[in-house]
Amino acid sequence: MDIAVILKIAAVGIITAIATMLLKRSGKDEIATVVSVVGLVVALVMMLDVIVQLYDTLQSLFDL
């Protein structure tokens, strides 16, 4: 796994956490929840390529 992917996901997590905290403090809990879910989806989409590589590696390893 490339270190750049890990750093990008960490950056998305930090930005999401800060945005969520700011929104909750301003009383917009519903929007904070949406921001959290969107952050999770963005991180999963970023991980999609790594998951595909893992699947291909396992498939070639076990000759499936």
N, C-alpha and C. Protein backbone atom coordinates (compact mmCIF):
# COMPACT_ATOMS: atom_id res chain seq x y z
N MET A 1 0.85 -1.17 0.00
CA MET A 1 0.00 0.00 0.00
C MET A 1 0.90 1.24 0.00
N ASP A 2 0.51 2.17 -0.79
CA ASP A 2 1.28 3.40 -0.91
C ASP A 2 1.00 4.32 0.28
N ILE A 3 2.04 4.96 0.76
CA ILE A 3 1.89 5.84 1.91
C ILE A 3 1.03 7.06 1.58
N ALA A 4 0.97 7.44 0.31
CA ALA A 4 0.17 8.59 -0.09
C ALA A 4 -1.32 8.35 0.16
N VAL A 5 -1.77 7.11 -0.05
CA VAL A 5 -3.17 6.78 0.19
C VAL A 5 -3.50 6.92 1.67
N ILE A 6 -2.59 6.47 2.51
CA ILE A 6 -2.80 6.56 3.96
C ILE A 6 -2.87 8.03 4.39
N LEU A 7 -1.99 8.84 3.85
CA LEU A 7 -1.98 10.26 4.21
C LEU A 7 -3.23 10.97 3.71
N LYS A 8 -3.69 10.63 2.51
CA LYS A 8 -4.91 11.24 1.99
C LYS A 8 -6.12 10.89 2.85
N ILE A 9 -6.20 9.62 3.26
CA ILE A 9 -7.33 9.19 4.09
C ILE A 9 -7.25 9.86 5.46
N ALA A 10 -6.05 10.02 5.99
CA ALA A 10 -5.90 10.71 7.27
C ALA A 10 -6.32 12.17 7.14
N ALA A 11 -5.98 12.80 6.03
CA ALA A 11 -6.36 14.19 5.82
C ALA A 11 -7.88 14.33 5.72
N VAL A 12 -8.52 13.41 5.01
CA VAL A 12 -9.98 13.43 4.91
C VAL A 12 -10.61 13.25 6.29
N GLY A 13 -10.05 12.36 7.09
CA GLY A 13 -10.56 12.13 8.43
C GLY A 13 -10.42 13.35 9.33
N ILE A 14 -9.29 14.02 9.24
CA ILE A 14 -9.07 15.21 10.06
C ILE A 14 -10.00 16.34 9.65
N ILE A 15 -10.12 16.56 8.34
CA ILE A 15 -11.01 17.62 7.85
C ILE A 15 -12.46 17.31 8.23
N THR A 16 -12.86 16.06 8.09
CA THR A 16 -14.22 15.66 8.46
C THR A 16 -14.47 15.88 9.95
N ALA A 17 -13.51 15.50 10.77
CA ALA A 17 -13.67 15.66 12.22
C ALA A 17 -13.79 17.13 12.61
N ILE A 18 -12.96 17.97 12.01
CA ILE A 18 -13.02 19.40 12.33
C ILE A 18 -14.35 20.00 11.88
N ALA A 19 -14.78 19.66 10.66
CA ALA A 19 -16.05 20.19 10.16
C ALA A 19 -17.21 19.72 11.02
N THR A 20 -17.17 18.47 11.44
CA THR A 20 -18.24 17.93 12.28
C THR A 20 -18.29 18.64 13.64
N MET A 21 -17.13 18.85 14.24
CA MET A 21 -17.09 19.55 15.54
C MET A 21 -17.62 20.98 15.41
N LEU A 22 -17.20 21.68 14.35
CA LEU A 22 -17.68 23.05 14.17
C LEU A 22 -19.19 23.10 13.96
N LEU A 23 -19.71 22.18 13.18
CA LEU A 23 -21.16 22.16 12.93
C LEU A 23 -21.94 21.80 14.19
N LYS A 24 -21.43 20.87 14.98
CA LYS A 24 -22.14 20.50 16.22
C LYS A 24 -22.14 21.66 17.21
N ARG A 25 -21.04 22.39 17.28
CA ARG A 25 -20.98 23.53 18.20
C ARG A 25 -21.92 24.65 17.78
N SER A 26 -22.19 24.76 16.48
CA SER A 26 -23.10 25.80 16.01
C SER A 26 -24.55 25.33 16.01
N GLY A 27 -24.78 24.10 16.50
CA GLY A 27 -26.15 23.61 16.65
C GLY A 27 -26.74 22.96 15.42
N LYS A 28 -25.92 22.60 14.47
CA LYS A 28 -26.40 21.98 13.24
C LYS A 28 -26.02 20.50 13.24
N ASP A 29 -26.65 19.75 14.14
CA ASP A 29 -26.31 18.34 14.31
C ASP A 29 -26.64 17.49 13.10
N GLU A 30 -27.73 17.81 12.40
CA GLU A 30 -28.12 17.01 11.24
C GLU A 30 -27.10 17.14 10.12
N ILE A 31 -26.64 18.37 9.90
CA ILE A 31 -25.64 18.58 8.85
C ILE A 31 -24.31 17.95 9.26
N ALA A 32 -24.00 17.97 10.54
CA ALA A 32 -22.77 17.34 11.03
C ALA A 32 -22.79 15.84 10.76
N THR A 33 -23.95 15.22 10.94
CA THR A 33 -24.07 13.80 10.65
C THR A 33 -23.87 13.52 9.17
N VAL A 34 -24.44 14.37 8.33
CA VAL A 34 -24.28 14.20 6.88
C VAL A 34 -22.81 14.36 6.49
N VAL A 35 -22.13 15.33 7.08
CA VAL A 35 -20.71 15.54 6.78
C VAL A 35 -19.90 14.32 7.20
N SER A 36 -20.23 13.72 8.32
CA SER A 36 -19.53 12.52 8.77
C SER A 36 -19.72 11.36 7.81
N VAL A 37 -20.95 11.19 7.35
CA VAL A 37 -21.23 10.10 6.41
C VAL A 37 -20.52 10.34 5.08
N VAL A 38 -20.53 11.58 4.62
CA VAL A 38 -19.85 11.91 3.36
C VAL A 38 -18.35 11.67 3.49
N GLY A 39 -17.77 12.02 4.62
CA GLY A 39 -16.35 11.75 4.86
C GLY A 39 -16.04 10.27 4.82
N LEU A 40 -16.92 9.46 5.39
CA LEU A 40 -16.73 8.02 5.36
C LEU A 40 -16.80 7.49 3.94
N VAL A 41 -17.76 7.97 3.17
CA VAL A 41 -17.91 7.52 1.78
C VAL A 41 -16.69 7.92 0.95
N VAL A 42 -16.19 9.13 1.16
CA VAL A 42 -15.00 9.57 0.42
C VAL A 42 -13.81 8.69 0.76
N ALA A 43 -13.63 8.36 2.02
CA ALA A 43 -12.52 7.49 2.42
C ALA A 43 -12.67 6.09 1.82
N LEU A 44 -13.88 5.57 1.78
CA LEU A 44 -14.10 4.25 1.18
C LEU A 44 -13.84 4.26 -0.32
N VAL A 45 -14.23 5.33 -0.99
CA VAL A 45 -13.96 5.43 -2.42
C VAL A 45 -12.45 5.51 -2.68
N MET A 46 -11.74 6.20 -1.81
CA MET A 46 -10.29 6.28 -1.95
C MET A 46 -9.65 4.91 -1.72
N MET A 47 -10.24 4.10 -0.88
CA MET A 47 -9.72 2.77 -0.59
C MET A 47 -10.12 1.75 -1.65
N LEU A 48 -11.02 2.09 -2.54
CA LEU A 48 -11.54 1.14 -3.52
C LEU A 48 -10.42 0.55 -4.37
N ASP A 49 -9.48 1.36 -4.82
CA ASP A 49 -8.38 0.86 -5.64
C ASP A 49 -7.52 -0.13 -4.87
N VAL A 50 -7.28 0.15 -3.60
CA VAL A 50 -6.47 -0.75 -2.77
C VAL A 50 -7.21 -2.07 -2.56
N ILE A 51 -8.52 -2.01 -2.38
CA ILE A 51 -9.31 -3.22 -2.19
C ILE A 51 -9.31 -4.07 -3.46
N VAL A 52 -9.38 -3.42 -4.61
CA VAL A 52 -9.33 -4.15 -5.89
C VAL A 52 -7.98 -4.81 -6.06
N GLN A 53 -6.91 -4.13 -5.70
CA GLN A 53 -5.57 -4.73 -5.77
C GLN A 53 -5.46 -5.93 -4.84
N LEU A 54 -6.01 -5.81 -3.64
CA LEU A 54 -6.00 -6.93 -2.70
C LEU A 54 -6.76 -8.12 -3.25
N TYR A 55 -7.93 -7.86 -3.84
CA TYR A 55 -8.73 -8.93 -4.43
C TYR A 55 -7.97 -9.62 -5.56
N ASP A 56 -7.33 -8.85 -6.43
CA ASP A 56 -6.55 -9.44 -7.53
C ASP A 56 -5.39 -10.26 -7.01
N THR A 57 -4.73 -9.78 -5.97
CA THR A 57 -3.61 -10.52 -5.39
C THR A 57 -4.08 -11.84 -4.79
N LEU A 58 -5.18 -11.80 -4.05
CA LEU A 58 -5.70 -13.04 -3.47
C LEU A 58 -6.19 -13.99 -4.54
N GLN A 59 -6.78 -13.45 -5.59
CA GLN A 59 -7.26 -14.29 -6.68
C GLN A 59 -6.09 -14.98 -7.39
N SER A 60 -4.99 -14.28 -7.62
CA SER A 60 -3.85 -14.89 -8.27
C SER A 60 -3.12 -15.83 -7.32
N LEU A 61 -3.15 -15.53 -6.03
CA LEU A 61 -2.47 -16.38 -5.05
C LEU A 61 -3.12 -17.74 -4.95
N PHE A 62 -4.45 -17.77 -4.95
CA PHE A 62 -5.16 -19.03 -4.80
C PHE A 62 -5.64 -19.60 -6.14
N ASP A 63 -5.22 -19.01 -7.24
CA ASP A 63 -5.56 -19.46 -8.59
C ASP A 63 -7.06 -19.63 -8.78
N LEU A 64 -7.81 -18.60 -8.44
CA LEU A 64 -9.26 -18.66 -8.59
C LEU A 64 -9.69 -18.12 -9.93
